[in-house]
Amino acid sequence: MKTFIATFLLLAISVLAGCASHVSPELRPYTAEETRQLALEALNRRGLSFDEYHAKKAELLGQPQKTFGFDRKGEMNAERAVQLHGRQS
């Protein structure tokens, strides 16, 4: 009976000692790439307009800002037939 109590006591002490020594993962600073990726993910969730989004994205990536816009050349009217390169669209 003494062996059972001693074993149980050692097991209980081991469990309590394991719980008491809180081992947290090593905290390290984010790398520049991880920081950039987190910023881009946050930018995607902000719900900005098309122009604002691309301006902020270019700013984060360090790229020159491109002007995005729509022109009238790409618009099509579904009610009229348009010939493109010898075929109907």
PDB file of N, CA and C in Angstrom:
ATOM      1  N   MET A   1       0.818  -1.187   0.000  1.00  0.00           N
ATOM      2  CA  MET A   1       0.000   0.000   0.000  1.00  0.00           C
ATOM      3  C   MET A   1       0.864   1.254   0.000  1.00  0.00           C
ATOM      4  N   LYS A   2       2.001   1.179   0.705  1.00  0.00           N
ATOM      5  CA  LYS A   2       2.888   2.332   0.751  1.00  0.00           C
ATOM      6  C   LYS A   2       3.457   2.634  -0.635  1.00  0.00           C
ATOM      7  N   THR A   3       3.683   1.626  -1.439  1.00  0.00           N
ATOM      8  CA  THR A   3       4.220   1.817  -2.781  1.00  0.00           C
ATOM      9  C   THR A   3       3.196   2.549  -3.653  1.00  0.00           C
ATOM     10  N   PHE A   4       1.926   2.160  -3.517  1.00  0.00           N
ATOM     11  CA  PHE A   4       0.870   2.809  -4.283  1.00  0.00           C
ATOM     12  C   PHE A   4       0.758   4.287  -3.906  1.00  0.00           C
ATOM     13  N   ILE A   5       0.798   4.596  -2.637  1.00  0.00           N
ATOM     14  CA  ILE A   5       0.694   5.986  -2.177  1.00  0.00           C
ATOM     15  C   ILE A   5       1.911   6.784  -2.628  1.00  0.00           C
ATOM     16  N   ALA A   6       3.090   6.192  -2.540  1.00  0.00           N
ATOM     17  CA  ALA A   6       4.315   6.885  -2.954  1.00  0.00           C
ATOM     18  C   ALA A   6       4.289   7.163  -4.458  1.00  0.00           C
ATOM     19  N   THR A   7       3.827   6.181  -5.246  1.00  0.00           N
ATOM     20  CA  THR A   7       3.751   6.357  -6.692  1.00  0.00           C
ATOM     21  C   THR A   7       2.733   7.440  -7.045  1.00  0.00           C
ATOM     22  N   PHE A   8       1.577   7.377  -6.381  1.00  0.00           N
ATOM     23  CA  PHE A   8       0.549   8.387  -6.625  1.00  0.00           C
ATOM     24  C   PHE A   8       1.043   9.775  -6.219  1.00  0.00           C
ATOM     25  N   LEU A   9       1.742   9.879  -5.121  1.00  0.00           N
ATOM     26  CA  LEU A   9       2.276  11.165  -4.656  1.00  0.00           C
ATOM     27  C   LEU A   9       3.317  11.702  -5.635  1.00  0.00           C
ATOM     28  N   LEU A  10       4.194  10.846  -6.144  1.00  0.00           N
ATOM     29  CA  LEU A  10       5.191  11.280  -7.128  1.00  0.00           C
ATOM     30  C   LEU A  10       4.523  11.734  -8.427  1.00  0.00           C
ATOM     31  N   LEU A  11       3.506  11.005  -8.844  1.00  0.00           N
ATOM     32  CA  LEU A  11       2.776  11.385 -10.042  1.00  0.00           C
ATOM     33  C   LEU A  11       2.085  12.730  -9.855  1.00  0.00           C
ATOM     34  N   ALA A  12       1.443  12.948  -8.734  1.00  0.00           N
ATOM     35  CA  ALA A  12       0.761  14.209  -8.457  1.00  0.00           C
ATOM     36  C   ALA A  12       1.755  15.368  -8.405  1.00  0.00           C
ATOM     37  N   ILE A  13       2.894  15.155  -7.799  1.00  0.00           N
ATOM     38  CA  ILE A  13       3.921  16.207  -7.722  1.00  0.00           C
ATOM     39  C   ILE A  13       4.458  16.518  -9.118  1.00  0.00           C
ATOM     40  N   SER A  14       4.653  15.491  -9.933  1.00  0.00           N
ATOM     41  CA  SER A  14       5.148  15.700 -11.304  1.00  0.00           C
ATOM     42  C   SER A  14       4.152  16.515 -12.124  1.00  0.00           C
ATOM     43  N   VAL A  15       2.867  16.188 -11.999  1.00  0.00           N
ATOM     44  CA  VAL A  15       1.846  16.923 -12.748  1.00  0.00           C
ATOM     45  C   VAL A  15       1.795  18.366 -12.283  1.00  0.00           C
ATOM     46  N   LEU A  16       1.795  18.595 -10.988  1.00  0.00           N
ATOM     47  CA  LEU A  16       1.754  19.961 -10.469  1.00  0.00           C
ATOM     48  C   LEU A  16       3.001  20.751 -10.839  1.00  0.00           C
ATOM     49  N   ALA A  17       4.153  20.118 -10.840  1.00  0.00           N
ATOM     50  CA  ALA A  17       5.383  20.808 -11.225  1.00  0.00           C
ATOM     51  C   ALA A  17       5.353  21.162 -12.710  1.00  0.00           C
ATOM     52  N   GLY A  18       4.796  20.282 -13.521  1.00  0.00           N
ATOM     53  CA  GLY A  18       4.689  20.562 -14.948  1.00  0.00           C
ATOM     54  C   GLY A  18       3.748  21.717 -15.227  1.00  0.00           C
ATOM     55  N   CYS A  19       2.665  21.811 -14.471  1.00  0.00           N
ATOM     56  CA  CYS A  19       1.724  22.912 -14.649  1.00  0.00           C
ATOM     57  C   CYS A  19       2.294  24.233 -14.142  1.00  0.00           C
ATOM     58  N   ALA A  20       3.122  24.161 -13.115  1.00  0.00           N
ATOM     59  CA  ALA A  20       3.664  25.376 -12.521  1.00  0.00           C
ATOM     60  C   ALA A  20       4.735  26.016 -13.403  1.00  0.00           C
ATOM     61  N   SER A  21       5.477  25.201 -14.129  1.00  0.00           N
ATOM     62  CA  SER A  21       6.535  25.757 -14.968  1.00  0.00           C
ATOM     63  C   SER A  21       5.955  26.070 -16.344  1.00  0.00           C
ATOM     64  N   HIS A  22       5.410  27.252 -16.469  1.00  0.00           N
ATOM     65  CA  HIS A  22       4.766  27.687 -17.702  1.00  0.00           C
ATOM     66  C   HIS A  22       5.844  27.996 -18.738  1.00  0.00           C
ATOM     67  N   VAL A  23       5.918  27.186 -19.756  1.00  0.00           N
ATOM     68  CA  VAL A  23       6.909  27.393 -20.813  1.00  0.00           C
ATOM     69  C   VAL A  23       6.197  28.065 -21.974  1.00  0.00           C
ATOM     70  N   SER A  24       6.531  29.311 -22.215  1.00  0.00           N
ATOM     71  CA  SER A  24       5.940  30.022 -23.344  1.00  0.00           C
ATOM     72  C   SER A  24       6.895  29.959 -24.526  1.00  0.00           C
ATOM     73  N   PRO A  25       6.373  29.987 -25.718  1.00  0.00           N
ATOM     74  CA  PRO A  25       7.270  29.971 -26.878  1.00  0.00           C
ATOM     75  C   PRO A  25       8.139  31.225 -26.898  1.00  0.00           C
ATOM     76  N   GLU A  26       9.281  31.061 -27.440  1.00  0.00           N
ATOM     77  CA  GLU A  26      10.221  32.181 -27.500  1.00  0.00           C
ATOM     78  C   GLU A  26       9.631  33.311 -28.332  1.00  0.00           C
ATOM     79  N   LEU A  27       9.575  34.477 -27.744  1.00  0.00           N
ATOM     80  CA  LEU A  27       9.034  35.634 -28.450  1.00  0.00           C
ATOM     81  C   LEU A  27      10.137  36.244 -29.296  1.00  0.00           C
ATOM     82  N   ARG A  28       9.871  36.367 -30.565  1.00  0.00           N
ATOM     83  CA  ARG A  28      10.843  36.956 -31.474  1.00  0.00           C
ATOM     84  C   ARG A  28      10.152  38.054 -32.268  1.00  0.00           C
ATOM     85  N   PRO A  29      10.885  39.036 -32.695  1.00  0.00           N
ATOM     86  CA  PRO A  29      10.264  40.083 -33.518  1.00  0.00           C
ATOM     87  C   PRO A  29       9.944  39.547 -34.913  1.00  0.00           C
ATOM     88  N   TYR A  30       8.936  40.130 -35.519  1.00  0.00           N
ATOM     89  CA  TYR A  30       8.572  39.738 -36.880  1.00  0.00           C
ATOM     90  C   TYR A  30       9.645  40.194 -37.861  1.00  0.00           C
ATOM     91  N   THR A  31       9.831  39.415 -38.908  1.00  0.00           N
ATOM     92  CA  THR A  31      10.759  39.825 -39.957  1.00  0.00           C
ATOM     93  C   THR A  31      10.057  40.883 -40.818  1.00  0.00           C
ATOM     94  N   ALA A  32      10.815  41.525 -41.679  1.00  0.00           N
ATOM     95  CA  ALA A  32      10.247  42.563 -42.544  1.00  0.00           C
ATOM     96  C   ALA A  32       9.202  41.968 -43.479  1.00  0.00           C
ATOM     97  N   GLU A  33       9.451  40.764 -43.973  1.00  0.00           N
ATOM     98  CA  GLU A  33       8.488  40.113 -44.878  1.00  0.00           C
ATOM     99  C   GLU A  33       7.197  39.755 -44.146  1.00  0.00           C
ATOM    100  N   GLU A  34       7.319  39.271 -42.908  1.00  0.00           N
ATOM    101  CA  GLU A  34       6.117  38.951 -42.122  1.00  0.00           C
ATOM    102  C   GLU A  34       5.311  40.209 -41.808  1.00  0.00           C
ATOM    103  N   THR A  35       5.995  41.288 -41.497  1.00  0.00           N
ATOM    104  CA  THR A  35       5.316  42.553 -41.216  1.00  0.00           C
ATOM    105  C   THR A  35       4.586  43.051 -42.457  1.00  0.00           C
ATOM    106  N   ARG A  36       5.228  42.971 -43.604  1.00  0.00           N
ATOM    107  CA  ARG A  36       4.604  43.399 -44.860  1.00  0.00           C
ATOM    108  C   ARG A  36       3.379  42.547 -45.167  1.00  0.00           C
ATOM    109  N   GLN A  37       3.494  41.228 -44.950  1.00  0.00           N
ATOM    110  CA  GLN A  37       2.373  40.327 -45.223  1.00  0.00           C
ATOM    111  C   GLN A  37       1.190  40.630 -44.305  1.00  0.00           C
ATOM    112  N   LEU A  38       1.453  40.895 -43.035  1.00  0.00           N
ATOM    113  CA  LEU A  38       0.380  41.250 -42.101  1.00  0.00           C
ATOM    114  C   LEU A  38      -0.283  42.564 -42.504  1.00  0.00           C
ATOM    115  N   ALA A  39       0.515  43.522 -42.949  1.00  0.00           N
ATOM    116  CA  ALA A  39      -0.046  44.806 -43.382  1.00  0.00           C
ATOM    117  C   ALA A  39      -0.918  44.636 -44.627  1.00  0.00           C
ATOM    118  N   LEU A  40      -0.496  43.780 -45.560  1.00  0.00           N
ATOM    119  CA  LEU A  40      -1.301  43.539 -46.763  1.00  0.00           C
ATOM    120  C   LEU A  40      -2.615  42.832 -46.425  1.00  0.00           C
ATOM    121  N   GLU A  41      -2.559  41.895 -45.476  1.00  0.00           N
ATOM    122  CA  GLU A  41      -3.790  41.217 -45.057  1.00  0.00           C
ATOM    123  C   GLU A  41      -4.748  42.194 -44.389  1.00  0.00           C
ATOM    124  N   ALA A  42      -4.217  43.095 -43.580  1.00  0.00           N
ATOM    125  CA  ALA A  42      -5.067  44.105 -42.941  1.00  0.00           C
ATOM    126  C   ALA A  42      -5.650  45.054 -43.989  1.00  0.00           C
ATOM    127  N   LEU A  43      -4.864  45.367 -45.002  1.00  0.00           N
ATOM    128  CA  LEU A  43      -5.333  46.249 -46.073  1.00  0.00           C
ATOM    129  C   LEU A  43      -6.492  45.606 -46.835  1.00  0.00           C
ATOM    130  N   ASN A  44      -6.411  44.298 -47.055  1.00  0.00           N
ATOM    131  CA  ASN A  44      -7.485  43.591 -47.767  1.00  0.00           C
ATOM    132  C   ASN A  44      -8.796  43.638 -47.003  1.00  0.00           C
ATOM    133  N   ARG A  45      -8.727  43.686 -45.673  1.00  0.00           N
ATOM    134  CA  ARG A  45      -9.937  43.673 -44.859  1.00  0.00           C
ATOM    135  C   ARG A  45     -10.541  45.045 -44.629  1.00  0.00           C
ATOM    136  N   ARG A  46      -9.892  46.099 -45.099  1.00  0.00           N
ATOM    137  CA  ARG A  46     -10.359  47.451 -44.787  1.00  0.00           C
ATOM    138  C   ARG A  46     -11.521  47.927 -45.642  1.00  0.00           C
ATOM    139  N   GLY A  47     -11.757  47.347 -46.785  1.00  0.00           N
ATOM    140  CA  GLY A  47     -12.877  47.745 -47.625  1.00  0.00           C
ATOM    141  C   GLY A  47     -12.684  49.102 -48.280  1.00  0.00           C
ATOM    142  N   LEU A  48     -11.495  49.367 -48.764  1.00  0.00           N
ATOM    143  CA  LEU A  48     -11.208  50.635 -49.428  1.00  0.00           C
ATOM    144  C   LEU A  48     -11.714  50.613 -50.860  1.00  0.00           C
ATOM    145  N   SER A  49     -11.786  51.785 -51.446  1.00  0.00           N
ATOM    146  CA  SER A  49     -12.143  51.856 -52.859  1.00  0.00           C
ATOM    147  C   SER A  49     -10.974  51.319 -53.686  1.00  0.00           C
ATOM    148  N   PHE A  50     -11.241  51.097 -54.969  1.00  0.00           N
ATOM    149  CA  PHE A  50     -10.233  50.531 -55.860  1.00  0.00           C
ATOM    150  C   PHE A  50      -8.972  51.389 -55.897  1.00  0.00           C
ATOM    151  N   ASP A  51      -9.147  52.690 -56.075  1.00  0.00           N
ATOM    152  CA  ASP A  51      -7.992  53.599 -56.173  1.00  0.00           C
ATOM    153  C   ASP A  51      -7.237  53.687 -54.854  1.00  0.00           C
ATOM    154  N   GLU A  52      -7.971  53.793 -53.748  1.00  0.00           N
ATOM    155  CA  GLU A  52      -7.321  53.877 -52.436  1.00  0.00           C
ATOM    156  C   GLU A  52      -6.555  52.594 -52.125  1.00  0.00           C
ATOM    157  N   TYR A  53      -7.152  51.451 -52.460  1.00  0.00           N
ATOM    158  CA  TYR A  53      -6.500  50.172 -52.203  1.00  0.00           C
ATOM    159  C   TYR A  53      -5.167  50.074 -52.933  1.00  0.00           C
ATOM    160  N   HIS A  54      -5.173  50.401 -54.230  1.00  0.00           N
ATOM    161  CA  HIS A  54      -3.936  50.285 -55.006  1.00  0.00           C
ATOM    162  C   HIS A  54      -2.901  51.328 -54.589  1.00  0.00           C
ATOM    163  N   ALA A  55      -3.339  52.487 -54.158  1.00  0.00           N
ATOM    164  CA  ALA A  55      -2.397  53.492 -53.667  1.00  0.00           C
ATOM    165  C   ALA A  55      -1.726  53.013 -52.383  1.00  0.00           C
ATOM    166  N   LYS A  56      -2.502  52.464 -51.453  1.00  0.00           N
ATOM    167  CA  LYS A  56      -1.934  51.958 -50.195  1.00  0.00           C
ATOM    168  C   LYS A  56      -1.059  50.736 -50.439  1.00  0.00           C
ATOM    169  N   LYS A  57      -1.465  49.866 -51.355  1.00  0.00           N
ATOM    170  CA  LYS A  57      -0.681  48.675 -51.656  1.00  0.00           C
ATOM    171  C   LYS A  57       0.666  49.050 -52.256  1.00  0.00           C
ATOM    172  N   ALA A  58       0.666  50.009 -53.175  1.00  0.00           N
ATOM    173  CA  ALA A  58       1.930  50.464 -53.768  1.00  0.00           C
ATOM    174  C   ALA A  58       2.822  51.091 -52.706  1.00  0.00           C
ATOM    175  N   GLU A  59       2.197  51.801 -51.777  1.00  0.00           N
ATOM    176  CA  GLU A  59       2.955  52.422 -50.685  1.00  0.00           C
ATOM    177  C   GLU A  59       3.594  51.354 -49.797  1.00  0.00           C
ATOM    178  N   LEU A  60       2.847  50.288 -49.478  1.00  0.00           N
ATOM    179  CA  LEU A  60       3.376  49.218 -48.637  1.00  0.00           C
ATOM    180  C   LEU A  60       4.483  48.430 -49.326  1.00  0.00           C
ATOM    181  N   LEU A  61       4.312  48.195 -50.611  1.00  0.00           N
ATOM    182  CA  LEU A  61       5.299  47.407 -51.348  1.00  0.00           C
ATOM    183  C   LEU A  61       6.482  48.240 -51.825  1.00  0.00           C
ATOM    184  N   GLY A  62       6.393  49.548 -51.683  1.00  0.00           N
ATOM    185  CA  GLY A  62       7.492  50.413 -52.107  1.00  0.00           C
ATOM    186  C   GLY A  62       7.586  50.548 -53.609  1.00  0.00           C
ATOM    187  N   GLN A  63       6.478  50.394 -54.292  1.00  0.00           N
ATOM    188  CA  GLN A  63       6.452  50.522 -55.741  1.00  0.00           C
ATOM    189  C   GLN A  63       5.910  51.888 -56.108  1.00  0.00           C
ATOM    190  N   PRO A  64       6.298  52.383 -57.276  1.00  0.00           N
ATOM    191  CA  PRO A  64       5.713  53.659 -57.711  1.00  0.00           C
ATOM    192  C   PRO A  64       4.219  53.480 -57.962  1.00  0.00           C
ATOM    193  N   GLN A  65       3.471  54.511 -57.669  1.00  0.00           N
ATOM    194  CA  GLN A  65       2.029  54.424 -57.829  1.00  0.00           C
ATOM    195  C   GLN A  65       1.651  54.421 -59.299  1.00  0.00           C
ATOM    196  N   LYS A  66       0.806  53.513 -59.662  1.00  0.00           N
ATOM    197  CA  LYS A  66       0.303  53.435 -61.024  1.00  0.00           C
ATOM    198  C   LYS A  66      -1.083  54.046 -61.019  1.00  0.00           C
ATOM    199  N   THR A  67      -1.396  54.702 -62.075  1.00  0.00           N
ATOM    200  CA  THR A  67      -2.739  55.258 -62.175  1.00  0.00           C
ATOM    201  C   THR A  67      -3.633  54.234 -62.869  1.00  0.00           C
ATOM    202  N   PHE A  68      -4.620  53.801 -62.140  1.00  0.00           N
ATOM    203  CA  PHE A  68      -5.583  52.856 -62.676  1.00  0.00           C
ATOM    204  C   PHE A  68      -6.833  53.627 -63.054  1.00  0.00           C
ATOM    205  N   GLY A  69      -7.429  53.236 -64.104  1.00  0.00           N
ATOM    206  CA  GLY A  69      -8.664  53.886 -64.505  1.00  0.00           C
ATOM    207  C   GLY A  69      -9.338  53.080 -65.593  1.00  0.00           C
ATOM    208  N   PHE A  70     -10.505  53.489 -65.898  1.00  0.00           N
ATOM    209  CA  PHE A  70     -11.269  52.825 -66.934  1.00  0.00           C
ATOM    210  C   PHE A  70     -11.359  53.748 -68.139  1.00  0.00           C
ATOM    211  N   ASP A  71     -11.261  53.157 -69.302  1.00  0.00           N
ATOM    212  CA  ASP A  71     -11.421  53.955 -70.511  1.00  0.00           C
ATOM    213  C   ASP A  71     -12.681  53.498 -71.241  1.00  0.00           C
ATOM    214  N   ARG A  72     -13.052  54.257 -72.212  1.00  0.00           N
ATOM    215  CA  ARG A  72     -14.284  53.947 -72.940  1.00  0.00           C
ATOM    216  C   ARG A  72     -14.060  52.890 -74.025  1.00  0.00           C
ATOM    217  N   LYS A  73     -12.831  52.528 -74.270  1.00  0.00           N
ATOM    218  CA  LYS A  73     -12.541  51.568 -75.328  1.00  0.00           C
ATOM    219  C   LYS A  73     -12.991  50.157 -74.965  1.00  0.00           C
ATOM    220  N   GLY A  74     -13.035  49.837 -73.698  1.00  0.00           N
ATOM    221  CA  GLY A  74     -13.385  48.483 -73.286  1.00  0.00           C
ATOM    222  C   GLY A  74     -14.860  48.283 -73.062  1.00  0.00           C
ATOM    223  N   GLU A  75     -15.642  49.331 -73.145  1.00  0.00           N
ATOM    224  CA  GLU A  75     -17.075  49.194 -72.900  1.00  0.00           C
ATOM    225  C   GLU A  75     -17.781  48.643 -74.128  1.00  0.00           C
ATOM    226  N   MET A  76     -18.740  47.796 -73.901  1.00  0.00           N
ATOM    227  CA  MET A  76     -19.517  47.226 -74.990  1.00  0.00           C
ATOM    228  C   MET A  76     -20.988  47.292 -74.629  1.00  0.00           C
ATOM    229  N   ASN A  77     -21.788  47.461 -75.618  1.00  0.00           N
ATOM    230  CA  ASN A  77     -23.228  47.461 -75.448  1.00  0.00           C
ATOM    231  C   ASN A  77     -23.744  46.119 -75.939  1.00  0.00           C
ATOM    232  N   ALA A  78     -24.499  45.430 -75.121  1.00  0.00           N
ATOM    233  CA  ALA A  78     -24.988  44.109 -75.486  1.00  0.00           C
ATOM    234  C   ALA A  78     -26.057  44.172 -76.567  1.00  0.00           C
ATOM    235  N   GLU A  79     -26.633  45.330 -76.788  1.00  0.00           N
ATOM    236  CA  GLU A  79     -27.714  45.436 -77.766  1.00  0.00           C
ATOM    237  C   GLU A  79     -27.209  45.629 -79.185  1.00  0.00           C
ATOM    238  N   ARG A  80     -25.972  45.964 -79.377  1.00  0.00           N
ATOM    239  CA  ARG A  80     -25.485  46.164 -80.739  1.00  0.00           C
ATOM    240  C   ARG A  80     -24.393  45.152 -81.035  1.00  0.00           C
ATOM    241  N   ALA A  81     -24.325  44.734 -82.263  1.00  0.00           N
ATOM    242  CA  ALA A  81     -23.319  43.768 -82.680  1.00  0.00           C
ATOM    243  C   ALA A  81     -22.031  44.510 -83.000  1.00  0.00           C
ATOM    244  N   VAL A  82     -20.937  44.002 -82.502  1.00  0.00           N
ATOM    245  CA  VAL A  82     -19.639  44.626 -82.719  1.00  0.00           C
ATOM    246  C   VAL A  82     -18.734  43.603 -83.379  1.00  0.00           C
ATOM    247  N   GLN A  83     -18.055  44.020 -84.420  1.00  0.00           N
ATOM    248  CA  GLN A  83     -17.116  43.141 -85.096  1.00  0.00           C
ATOM    249  C   GLN A  83     -15.737  43.295 -84.432  1.00  0.00           C
ATOM    250  N   LEU A  84     -15.184  42.164 -83.969  1.00  0.00           N
ATOM    251  CA  LEU A  84     -13.846  42.169 -83.422  1.00  0.00           C
ATOM    252  C   LEU A  84     -12.990  41.189 -84.211  1.00  0.00           C
ATOM    253  N   HIS A  85     -12.034  41.689 -84.912  1.00  0.00           N
ATOM    254  CA  HIS A  85     -11.087  40.875 -85.660  1.00  0.00           C
ATOM    255  C   HIS A  85     -11.802  39.905 -86.591  1.00  0.00           C
ATOM    256  N   GLY A  86     -12.804  40.368 -87.293  1.00  0.00           N
ATOM    257  CA  GLY A  86     -13.467  39.557 -88.282  1.00  0.00           C
ATOM    258  C   GLY A  86     -14.499  38.584 -87.739  1.00  0.00           C
ATOM    259  N   ARG A  87     -14.835  38.669 -86.469  1.00  0.00           N
ATOM    260  CA  ARG A  87     -15.863  37.772 -85.933  1.00  0.00           C
ATOM    261  C   ARG A  87     -16.843  38.566 -85.083  1.00  0.00           C
ATOM    262  N   GLN A  88     -18.009  38.033 -84.872  1.00  0.00           N
ATOM    263  CA  GLN A  88     -19.006  38.716 -84.058  1.00  0.00           C
ATOM    264  C   GLN A  88     -18.731  38.426 -82.590  1.00  0.00           C
ATOM    265  N   SER A  89     -18.990  39.396 -81.769  1.00  0.00           N
ATOM    266  CA  SER A  89     -18.772  39.173 -80.339  1.00  0.00           C
ATOM    267  C   SER A  89     -20.092  38.920 -79.644  1.00  0.00           C
TER     268      SER A  89
END
